[in-house]
Protein backbone atom coordinates (compact mmCIF):
# COMPACT_ATOMS: atom_id res chain seq x y z
CA UNK A 1 -45.31 -51.52 -51.23
CA UNK A 2 -42.40 -52.78 -53.20
CA UNK A 3 -42.49 -55.63 -55.71
CA UNK A 4 -40.57 -58.72 -54.71
CA UNK A 5 -37.31 -57.97 -56.43
CA UNK A 6 -34.02 -59.05 -54.91
CA UNK A 7 -31.72 -56.16 -54.09
CA UNK A 8 -28.13 -57.05 -53.27
CA UNK A 9 -27.13 -56.16 -49.73
CA UNK A 10 -24.53 -53.42 -49.48
CA UNK A 11 -23.02 -51.62 -46.53
CA UNK A 12 -22.30 -47.94 -46.36
CA UNK A 13 -20.65 -46.04 -43.54
CA UNK A 14 -21.65 -42.42 -43.11
CA UNK A 15 -19.68 -40.33 -40.64
CA UNK A 16 -17.76 -43.29 -39.18
CA UNK A 17 -15.92 -46.41 -40.20
CA UNK A 18 -17.36 -49.12 -37.96
CA UNK A 19 -16.85 -52.85 -37.70
CA UNK A 20 -19.66 -55.36 -37.82
CA UNK A 21 -22.99 -55.45 -39.60
CA UNK A 22 -26.63 -55.19 -38.64
CA UNK A 23 -26.30 -54.52 -34.92
CA UNK A 24 -27.03 -51.38 -32.97
CA UNK A 25 -23.45 -51.52 -31.76
CA UNK A 26 -24.32 -50.01 -28.38
CA UNK A 27 -22.98 -46.63 -29.51
CA UNK A 28 -25.46 -43.90 -28.51
CA UNK A 29 -23.90 -41.54 -31.03
CA UNK A 30 -24.20 -43.88 -34.03
CA UNK A 31 -27.46 -44.65 -35.83
CA UNK A 32 -27.58 -47.88 -37.86
CA UNK A 33 -30.12 -47.38 -40.66
CA UNK A 34 -31.53 -50.22 -42.72
CA UNK A 35 -32.46 -48.76 -46.11
CA UNK A 36 -34.87 -51.05 -48.00
CA UNK A 37 -34.93 -49.01 -51.20
CA UNK A 38 -33.73 -50.21 -54.58
CA UNK A 39 -30.41 -49.49 -56.23
CA UNK A 40 -31.84 -46.57 -58.20
CA UNK A 41 -32.78 -44.79 -54.96
CA UNK A 42 -30.24 -45.82 -52.33
CA UNK A 43 -27.56 -43.33 -53.43
CA UNK A 44 -29.86 -40.38 -52.78
CA UNK A 45 -30.93 -41.72 -49.37
CA UNK A 46 -27.29 -42.32 -48.47
CA UNK A 47 -26.37 -38.76 -49.47
CA UNK A 48 -29.20 -37.30 -47.37
CA UNK A 49 -28.20 -39.49 -44.42
CA UNK A 50 -24.64 -38.17 -44.69
CA UNK A 51 -25.87 -34.59 -44.67
CA UNK A 52 -28.09 -35.26 -41.65
CA UNK A 53 -25.19 -36.84 -39.75
CA UNK A 54 -22.84 -33.99 -40.64
CA UNK A 55 -25.22 -31.25 -39.51
CA UNK A 56 -26.71 -33.14 -36.57
CA UNK A 57 -23.53 -34.07 -34.75
CA UNK A 58 -24.06 -37.83 -34.73
CA UNK A 59 -22.93 -40.74 -36.91
CA UNK A 60 -24.96 -42.88 -39.28
CA UNK A 61 -24.16 -46.29 -40.70
CA UNK A 62 -26.37 -47.06 -43.73
CA UNK A 63 -26.98 -50.70 -44.60
CA UNK A 64 -28.94 -51.34 -47.78
CA UNK A 65 -30.94 -54.57 -47.48
CA UNK A 66 -33.25 -56.50 -49.77
CA UNK A 67 -36.83 -55.34 -49.33
CA UNK A 68 -38.28 -58.84 -49.58
CA UNK A 69 -36.00 -60.05 -46.77
CA UNK A 70 -36.08 -56.99 -44.53
CA UNK A 71 -39.19 -57.73 -42.44
CA UNK A 72 -38.22 -61.25 -41.39
CA UNK A 73 -34.57 -60.27 -40.87
CA UNK A 74 -35.59 -57.29 -38.78
CA UNK A 75 -37.96 -59.31 -36.58
CA UNK A 76 -35.35 -62.00 -35.99
CA UNK A 77 -32.68 -59.45 -35.07
CA UNK A 78 -34.93 -57.22 -32.96
CA UNK A 79 -36.30 -60.13 -30.95
CA UNK A 80 -32.70 -60.77 -29.87
CA UNK A 81 -32.03 -57.13 -29.04
CA UNK A 82 -30.04 -56.62 -32.23
CA UNK A 83 -30.62 -55.06 -35.62
CA UNK A 84 -30.73 -51.50 -36.88
CA UNK A 85 -31.68 -48.47 -34.84
CA UNK A 86 -33.85 -47.23 -37.70
CA UNK A 87 -35.71 -49.28 -40.31
CA UNK A 88 -37.29 -48.02 -43.52
CA UNK A 89 -40.49 -50.00 -43.10
CA UNK A 90 -43.24 -50.74 -45.57
CA UNK A 91 -46.42 -48.99 -44.42
CA UNK A 92 -48.04 -52.40 -43.98
CA UNK A 93 -45.48 -53.57 -41.41
CA UNK A 94 -45.86 -50.85 -38.77
CA UNK A 95 -48.85 -52.19 -36.82
CA UNK A 96 -47.37 -55.70 -36.82
CA UNK A 97 -44.04 -54.50 -35.42
CA UNK A 98 -45.78 -52.27 -32.89
CA UNK A 99 -47.98 -55.10 -31.59
CA UNK A 100 -44.91 -57.34 -31.28
CA UNK A 101 -43.12 -54.69 -29.22
CA UNK A 102 -40.26 -54.43 -31.72
CA UNK A 103 -40.48 -50.68 -32.44
CA UNK A 104 -40.73 -47.68 -30.16
CA UNK A 105 -43.83 -45.71 -29.30
CA UNK A 106 -42.94 -42.25 -30.59
CA UNK A 107 -46.03 -40.50 -29.24
CA UNK A 108 -44.10 -38.49 -26.63
CA UNK A 109 -41.19 -37.59 -28.88
CA UNK A 110 -40.76 -34.53 -31.13
CA UNK A 111 -41.54 -36.80 -34.09
CA UNK A 112 -45.22 -36.86 -33.12
CA UNK A 113 -45.48 -33.28 -31.92
CA UNK A 114 -46.40 -31.61 -35.21
CA UNK A 115 -47.91 -33.86 -37.86
CA UNK A 116 -50.38 -31.48 -39.52
CA UNK A 117 -48.18 -31.21 -42.61
CA UNK A 118 -48.37 -34.93 -43.37
CA UNK A 119 -50.93 -36.30 -45.83
CA UNK A 120 -53.77 -38.12 -44.01
CA UNK A 121 -53.37 -41.58 -45.57
CA UNK A 122 -49.61 -41.99 -44.96
CA UNK A 123 -50.00 -40.56 -41.46
CA UNK A 124 -52.68 -43.14 -40.65
CA UNK A 125 -50.22 -45.93 -41.43
CA UNK A 126 -48.02 -44.78 -38.53
CA UNK A 127 -50.69 -45.43 -35.89
CA UNK A 128 -51.50 -48.45 -33.74
CA UNK A 129 -54.12 -48.42 -31.00
CA UNK A 130 -54.07 -44.64 -30.87
CA UNK A 131 -50.31 -44.26 -30.54
CA UNK A 132 -47.67 -43.15 -33.05
CA UNK A 133 -44.97 -45.67 -33.97
CA UNK A 134 -43.53 -44.30 -37.21
CA UNK A 135 -42.78 -41.26 -39.36
CA UNK A 136 -44.04 -41.16 -42.97
CA UNK A 137 -41.24 -41.21 -45.55
CA UNK A 138 -42.80 -41.58 -49.00
CA UNK A 139 -46.25 -42.50 -50.24
CA UNK A 140 -47.22 -44.10 -53.52
CA UNK A 141 -49.99 -45.37 -55.73
CA UNK A 142 -50.31 -47.67 -58.70
CA UNK A 143 -50.90 -46.21 -62.15
CA UNK A 144 -51.27 -47.34 -65.74
CA UNK A 145 -47.90 -46.95 -67.50
CA UNK A 146 -48.09 -46.87 -71.27
CA UNK A 147 -45.83 -46.58 -74.29
CA UNK A 148 -46.99 -43.35 -75.92
CA UNK A 149 -45.54 -44.20 -79.32
CA UNK A 150 -47.26 -47.59 -79.43
CA UNK A 151 -50.65 -46.17 -78.47
CA UNK A 152 -50.24 -43.32 -80.98
CA UNK A 153 -49.44 -45.76 -83.80
CA UNK A 154 -52.53 -47.76 -82.88
CA UNK A 155 -54.64 -44.61 -82.78
CA UNK A 156 -55.90 -45.22 -79.24
CA UNK A 157 -55.87 -43.44 -75.89
CA UNK A 158 -55.11 -44.89 -72.43
CA UNK A 159 -58.26 -46.77 -71.39
CA UNK A 160 -60.44 -45.32 -68.63
CA UNK A 161 -62.10 -48.64 -67.89
CA UNK A 162 -61.17 -52.31 -68.21
CA UNK A 163 -63.98 -52.71 -70.74
CA UNK A 164 -62.36 -49.99 -72.82
CA UNK A 165 -59.06 -51.85 -72.63
CA UNK A 166 -60.73 -54.91 -74.11
CA UNK A 167 -62.07 -52.81 -76.98
CA UNK A 168 -58.69 -51.28 -77.90
CA UNK A 169 -56.60 -54.42 -77.34
CA UNK A 170 -56.89 -55.71 -80.95
CA UNK A 171 -55.30 -52.48 -82.24
CA UNK A 172 -52.39 -53.08 -79.86
CA UNK A 173 -51.82 -56.70 -80.81
CA UNK A 174 -54.30 -58.47 -78.55
CA UNK A 175 -52.57 -59.75 -75.45
CA UNK A 176 -49.69 -57.37 -76.17
CA UNK A 177 -51.91 -54.57 -74.88
CA UNK A 178 -51.28 -55.15 -71.17
CA UNK A 179 -49.13 -57.30 -68.89
CA UNK A 180 -50.85 -58.19 -65.61
CA UNK A 181 -48.37 -58.82 -62.83
CA UNK A 182 -49.66 -61.72 -60.73
CA UNK A 183 -48.13 -60.48 -57.45
CA UNK A 184 -50.73 -60.06 -54.72
CA UNK A 185 -50.32 -56.29 -54.26
CA UNK A 186 -51.17 -55.84 -57.92
CA UNK A 187 -54.35 -57.86 -57.42
CA UNK A 188 -55.77 -55.19 -55.11
CA UNK A 189 -56.90 -52.69 -57.80
CA UNK A 190 -58.96 -55.44 -59.40
CA UNK A 191 -60.27 -56.67 -56.05
CA UNK A 192 -61.35 -53.12 -55.17
CA UNK A 193 -62.86 -52.43 -58.60
CA UNK A 194 -66.44 -53.38 -57.69
CA UNK A 195 -66.36 -52.55 -53.99
CA UNK A 196 -64.48 -55.60 -52.73
CA UNK A 197 -61.81 -55.69 -50.02
CA UNK A 198 -59.76 -58.12 -47.95
CA UNK A 199 -61.47 -57.53 -44.62
CA UNK A 200 -63.82 -55.04 -42.99
CA UNK A 201 -62.01 -53.92 -39.84
CA UNK A 202 -65.03 -52.12 -38.37
CA UNK A 203 -67.34 -55.14 -38.49
CA UNK A 204 -64.41 -57.57 -38.13
CA UNK A 205 -65.60 -59.45 -41.18
CA UNK A 206 -63.67 -61.32 -43.88
CA UNK A 207 -64.62 -59.93 -47.29
CA UNK A 208 -61.95 -61.29 -49.62
CA UNK A 209 -64.44 -63.81 -51.04
CA UNK A 210 -67.44 -61.48 -51.18
CA UNK A 211 -69.37 -61.23 -54.43
CA UNK A 212 -67.78 -57.82 -55.03
CA UNK A 213 -64.26 -59.14 -54.50
CA UNK A 214 -64.82 -62.16 -56.73
CA UNK A 215 -66.26 -59.99 -59.48
CA UNK A 216 -63.29 -57.64 -59.31
CA UNK A 217 -60.60 -60.33 -59.47
CA UNK A 218 -62.52 -62.10 -62.22
CA UNK A 219 -62.13 -58.91 -64.27
CA UNK A 220 -58.38 -59.57 -64.50
CA UNK A 221 -58.93 -63.19 -65.55
CA UNK A 222 -61.48 -62.12 -68.14
CA UNK A 223 -58.95 -59.76 -69.72
CA UNK A 224 -56.52 -62.65 -70.14
CA UNK A 225 -59.24 -64.96 -71.48
CA UNK A 226 -60.26 -62.27 -73.97
CA UNK A 227 -56.66 -62.02 -75.23
CA UNK A 228 -56.56 -58.41 -74.10
CA UNK A 229 -53.77 -59.04 -71.59
CA UNK A 230 -51.12 -61.57 -70.64
CA UNK A 231 -49.45 -62.68 -67.42
CA UNK A 232 -46.46 -64.69 -66.23
CA UNK A 233 -46.60 -68.46 -66.03
CA UNK A 234 -44.66 -68.45 -62.75
CA UNK A 235 -45.15 -66.32 -59.65
CA UNK A 236 -41.71 -65.44 -58.29
CA UNK A 237 -40.51 -63.87 -61.54
CA UNK A 238 -43.72 -62.14 -62.57
CA UNK A 239 -42.60 -58.58 -61.87
CA UNK A 240 -39.26 -59.08 -63.59
CA UNK A 241 -41.02 -60.61 -66.60
CA UNK A 242 -43.45 -57.71 -66.75
CA UNK A 243 -40.66 -55.12 -66.72
CA UNK A 244 -38.79 -56.96 -69.46
CA UNK A 245 -41.89 -57.10 -71.63
CA UNK A 246 -42.58 -53.39 -71.22
CA UNK A 247 -39.02 -52.15 -71.68
CA UNK A 248 -38.58 -54.29 -74.80
CA UNK A 249 -41.77 -52.98 -76.39
CA UNK A 250 -43.38 -56.42 -76.26
CA UNK A 251 -46.38 -55.00 -74.39
CA UNK A 252 -47.84 -51.51 -74.55
CA UNK A 253 -49.05 -51.09 -70.96
CA UNK A 254 -48.35 -52.24 -67.40
CA UNK A 255 -49.54 -51.33 -63.91
CA UNK A 256 -46.75 -50.05 -61.67
CA UNK A 257 -45.71 -47.38 -59.17
CA UNK A 258 -43.47 -44.29 -59.10
CA UNK A 259 -40.48 -46.31 -57.87
CA UNK A 260 -40.31 -48.03 -61.28
CA UNK A 261 -39.87 -44.92 -63.40
CA UNK A 262 -36.11 -44.62 -62.91
CA UNK A 263 -35.54 -48.16 -64.17
CA UNK A 264 -37.96 -47.90 -67.08
CA UNK A 265 -36.32 -44.73 -68.36
CA UNK A 266 -32.96 -46.50 -68.48
CA UNK A 267 -34.30 -48.73 -71.27
CA UNK A 268 -34.19 -48.11 -75.01
CA UNK A 269 -37.98 -47.82 -75.29
CA UNK A 270 -38.01 -44.94 -72.83
CA UNK A 271 -34.59 -43.40 -73.41
CA UNK A 272 -36.72 -40.38 -74.18
CA UNK A 273 -38.65 -40.16 -70.89
CA UNK A 274 -41.43 -38.32 -72.69
CA UNK A 275 -42.42 -41.63 -74.29
CA UNK A 276 -43.42 -43.03 -70.89
CA UNK A 277 -47.06 -42.20 -70.26
CA UNK A 278 -48.64 -42.34 -66.81
CA UNK A 279 -52.42 -42.43 -66.45
CA UNK A 280 -54.91 -43.28 -63.68
CA UNK A 281 -55.83 -46.92 -63.32
CA UNK A 282 -59.03 -47.81 -65.13
CA UNK A 283 -61.59 -47.28 -62.36
CA UNK A 284 -61.27 -44.41 -59.87
CA UNK A 285 -59.96 -44.95 -56.37
CA UNK A 286 -58.78 -48.51 -56.89
CA UNK A 287 -55.08 -48.09 -56.16
CA UNK A 288 -54.00 -49.28 -52.71
CA UNK A 289 -52.14 -46.85 -50.47
CA UNK A 290 -48.46 -47.69 -50.57
CA UNK A 291 -45.21 -46.24 -49.36
CA UNK A 292 -42.72 -46.40 -46.52
CA UNK A 293 -42.31 -45.15 -42.97
CA UNK A 294 -39.35 -44.78 -40.63
CA UNK A 295 -39.44 -46.71 -37.33
CA UNK A 296 -37.02 -46.88 -34.38
CA UNK A 297 -36.16 -50.26 -32.86
CA UNK A 298 -37.34 -50.95 -29.33
CA UNK A 299 -34.28 -51.05 -27.07
CA UNK A 300 -32.05 -49.00 -29.35
CA UNK A 301 -29.09 -47.44 -27.55
CA UNK A 302 -29.12 -44.59 -30.05
CA UNK A 303 -32.70 -43.39 -29.59
CA UNK A 304 -31.82 -39.74 -29.03
CA UNK A 305 -29.68 -39.62 -32.17
CA UNK A 306 -32.27 -41.68 -34.08
CA UNK A 307 -35.00 -39.14 -33.29
CA UNK A 308 -32.80 -36.32 -34.59
CA UNK A 309 -31.97 -38.42 -37.65
CA UNK A 310 -35.64 -38.97 -38.49
CA UNK A 311 -36.48 -35.31 -37.95
CA UNK A 312 -33.86 -34.53 -40.55
CA UNK A 313 -34.67 -37.34 -43.00
CA UNK A 314 -38.40 -36.53 -42.96
CA UNK A 315 -38.01 -32.75 -43.19
CA UNK A 316 -39.70 -30.83 -45.97
CA UNK A 317 -36.32 -30.01 -47.48
CA UNK A 318 -35.22 -33.64 -47.70
CA UNK A 319 -38.60 -34.92 -48.83
CA UNK A 320 -38.43 -32.35 -51.63
CA UNK A 321 -34.93 -33.52 -52.56
CA UNK A 322 -36.09 -37.15 -52.75
CA UNK A 323 -39.09 -36.16 -54.86
CA UNK A 324 -37.15 -33.93 -57.24
CA UNK A 325 -34.32 -36.41 -57.82
CA UNK A 326 -36.18 -39.73 -57.71
CA UNK A 327 -39.79 -38.89 -58.56
CA UNK A 328 -41.01 -40.47 -55.30
CA UNK A 329 -44.05 -38.91 -53.68
CA UNK A 330 -43.59 -36.81 -50.53
CA UNK A 331 -45.75 -37.39 -47.47
CA UNK A 332 -45.50 -33.73 -46.49
CA UNK A 333 -47.89 -31.36 -48.23
CA UNK A 334 -45.35 -28.53 -48.04
CA UNK A 335 -42.82 -30.51 -50.09
CA UNK A 336 -45.09 -30.31 -53.13
CA UNK A 337 -44.70 -26.54 -53.11
CA UNK A 338 -40.98 -26.78 -53.86
CA UNK A 339 -40.44 -25.60 -57.47
CA UNK A 340 -38.22 -28.57 -58.33
CA UNK A 341 -40.86 -30.98 -57.05
CA UNK A 342 -43.66 -29.21 -58.89
CA UNK A 343 -41.67 -29.50 -62.12
CA UNK A 344 -40.96 -33.22 -61.74
CA UNK A 345 -43.21 -34.96 -64.31
CA UNK A 346 -43.49 -38.18 -62.31
CA UNK A 347 -44.60 -36.41 -59.14
CA UNK A 348 -47.01 -34.27 -61.16
CA UNK A 349 -48.55 -37.38 -62.73
CA UNK A 350 -48.85 -39.33 -59.49
CA UNK A 351 -49.88 -36.57 -57.09
CA UNK A 352 -53.63 -36.69 -57.97
CA UNK A 353 -53.51 -40.50 -58.03
CA UNK A 354 -52.05 -40.68 -54.53
CA UNK A 355 -54.92 -38.48 -53.33
CA UNK A 356 -57.45 -40.97 -54.70
CA UNK A 357 -56.23 -44.23 -53.20
CA UNK A 358 -58.07 -47.04 -51.43
CA UNK A 359 -57.38 -47.32 -47.69
CA UNK A 360 -55.74 -50.53 -46.52
CA UNK A 361 -56.50 -52.23 -43.21
CA UNK A 362 -53.91 -50.80 -40.82
CA UNK A 363 -53.93 -53.85 -38.57
CA UNK A 364 -51.02 -56.02 -37.39
CA UNK A 365 -52.08 -58.73 -39.84
CA UNK A 366 -51.81 -56.41 -42.86
CA UNK A 367 -48.83 -58.17 -44.45
CA UNK A 368 -50.20 -61.62 -43.58
CA UNK A 369 -53.43 -60.84 -45.42
CA UNK A 370 -51.50 -60.50 -48.65
CA UNK A 371 -49.55 -63.77 -48.40
CA UNK A 372 -52.45 -66.19 -49.09
CA UNK A 373 -53.72 -63.90 -51.85
CA UNK A 374 -50.38 -64.21 -53.64
CA UNK A 375 -50.79 -67.90 -54.45
CA UNK A 376 -54.52 -67.63 -55.15
CA UNK A 377 -54.17 -64.73 -57.59
CA UNK A 378 -51.42 -66.43 -59.58
CA UNK A 379 -53.47 -69.63 -59.79
CA UNK A 380 -56.57 -67.71 -60.89
CA UNK A 381 -54.76 -65.88 -63.67
CA UNK A 382 -53.08 -69.10 -64.82
CA UNK A 383 -56.47 -70.81 -65.02
CA UNK A 384 -55.56 -73.38 -62.38
CA UNK A 385 -58.43 -72.45 -60.06
CA UNK A 386 -61.80 -70.81 -60.44
CA UNK A 387 -61.92 -67.31 -58.93
CA UNK A 388 -64.65 -67.88 -56.34
CA UNK A 389 -63.20 -71.17 -55.13
CA UNK A 390 -59.69 -69.75 -54.85
CA UNK A 391 -60.86 -66.73 -52.84
CA UNK A 392 -62.97 -69.03 -50.62
CA UNK A 393 -59.71 -70.82 -49.78
CA UNK A 394 -58.08 -67.49 -48.95
CA UNK A 395 -61.01 -66.62 -46.67
CA UNK A 396 -60.65 -69.92 -44.83
CA UNK A 397 -56.94 -69.29 -44.35
CA UNK A 398 -57.73 -65.85 -42.97
CA UNK A 399 -60.16 -67.28 -40.43
CA UNK A 400 -58.00 -70.18 -39.32
CA UNK A 401 -54.60 -68.53 -39.11
CA UNK A 402 -54.57 -64.80 -39.96
CA UNK A 403 -57.59 -63.09 -38.34
CA UNK A 404 -59.34 -65.86 -36.36
CA UNK A 405 -61.44 -63.29 -34.54
CA UNK A 406 -63.06 -62.17 -37.78
CA UNK A 407 -66.31 -63.70 -39.05
CA UNK A 408 -66.93 -65.09 -42.51
CA UNK A 409 -69.34 -62.99 -44.53
């Protein structure tokens, strides 16, 4: 899962100079690839795509698109028989796109023939109703990022519980200890903290407003009330505000994922990357599974080339290259054995965290479950609504318009 940060659209042609933008082009030998990564990553993906095209005997056109616009833009294009041949999809989009008939069933292709090397959690995100619709690209988890120098000056260690954070906050300047991003994805570690969840897919029950969920989300609000943390006053700019506070030294800790490391280490605070500490979130197993998968558009004229392209892009060699150069986490177990990957400090820090993540509901409504939580979480942290009441509203929204077949707890 990516934070909602705007990434300027850019077009890149690999192996061919082609006219037009965003369409499959009807050329069986050309693969149009929508890359939803950020600017710090897109150059590496583009380079790997070029190598795959060169060795595979096909052409690739890379189009870098804004992550927060990609899902809606893809659905609109694909419903009209247009759009990319390959999309770098958030793991939470796959079941939705599969149910809508907008991506191909890959079960009978070479992409689903040998999946034993993939980590179980990312691989599960590629499934819908027993069929395979995607190929795992990268996985991720959330961690506690901290400024080592600030914590050392305060004489404290990264907290192992939220109660411990409250106890060390005064030494770090009170609410300067932690910035809590009020985006919905970042609410999940708190929601999971005491056994809560959004829904129970086995019993088809809505659990977002359970006592466990309310208690977990209230933990975040309590940290703010105790002056042990701060948050943004607005929702759309929360992530940007958090990054600015951390990179300026205004706060000592934030919760973020491996994708953020490259940008943080470009700042003055972390010009020496060794000053950027990465620790498990307070509370084991509370990070949601994140990451991205590759999917092929239903109706693509370049399916044969697209399958070859994804075999190449998801190979152990290229996953290792992405991990070594960007610090993103491979979905193939074999990629972790590459010496350059093993020596990458970001991968080393996140690897055990990614193995201790909380499963998400791999249902078509996955992304829609997060949307109502976004507003509620921001209002809770801002003190505009009481936690239980706000989550009750989310539960009602779930039942009326997101998962109407699910029962209220």
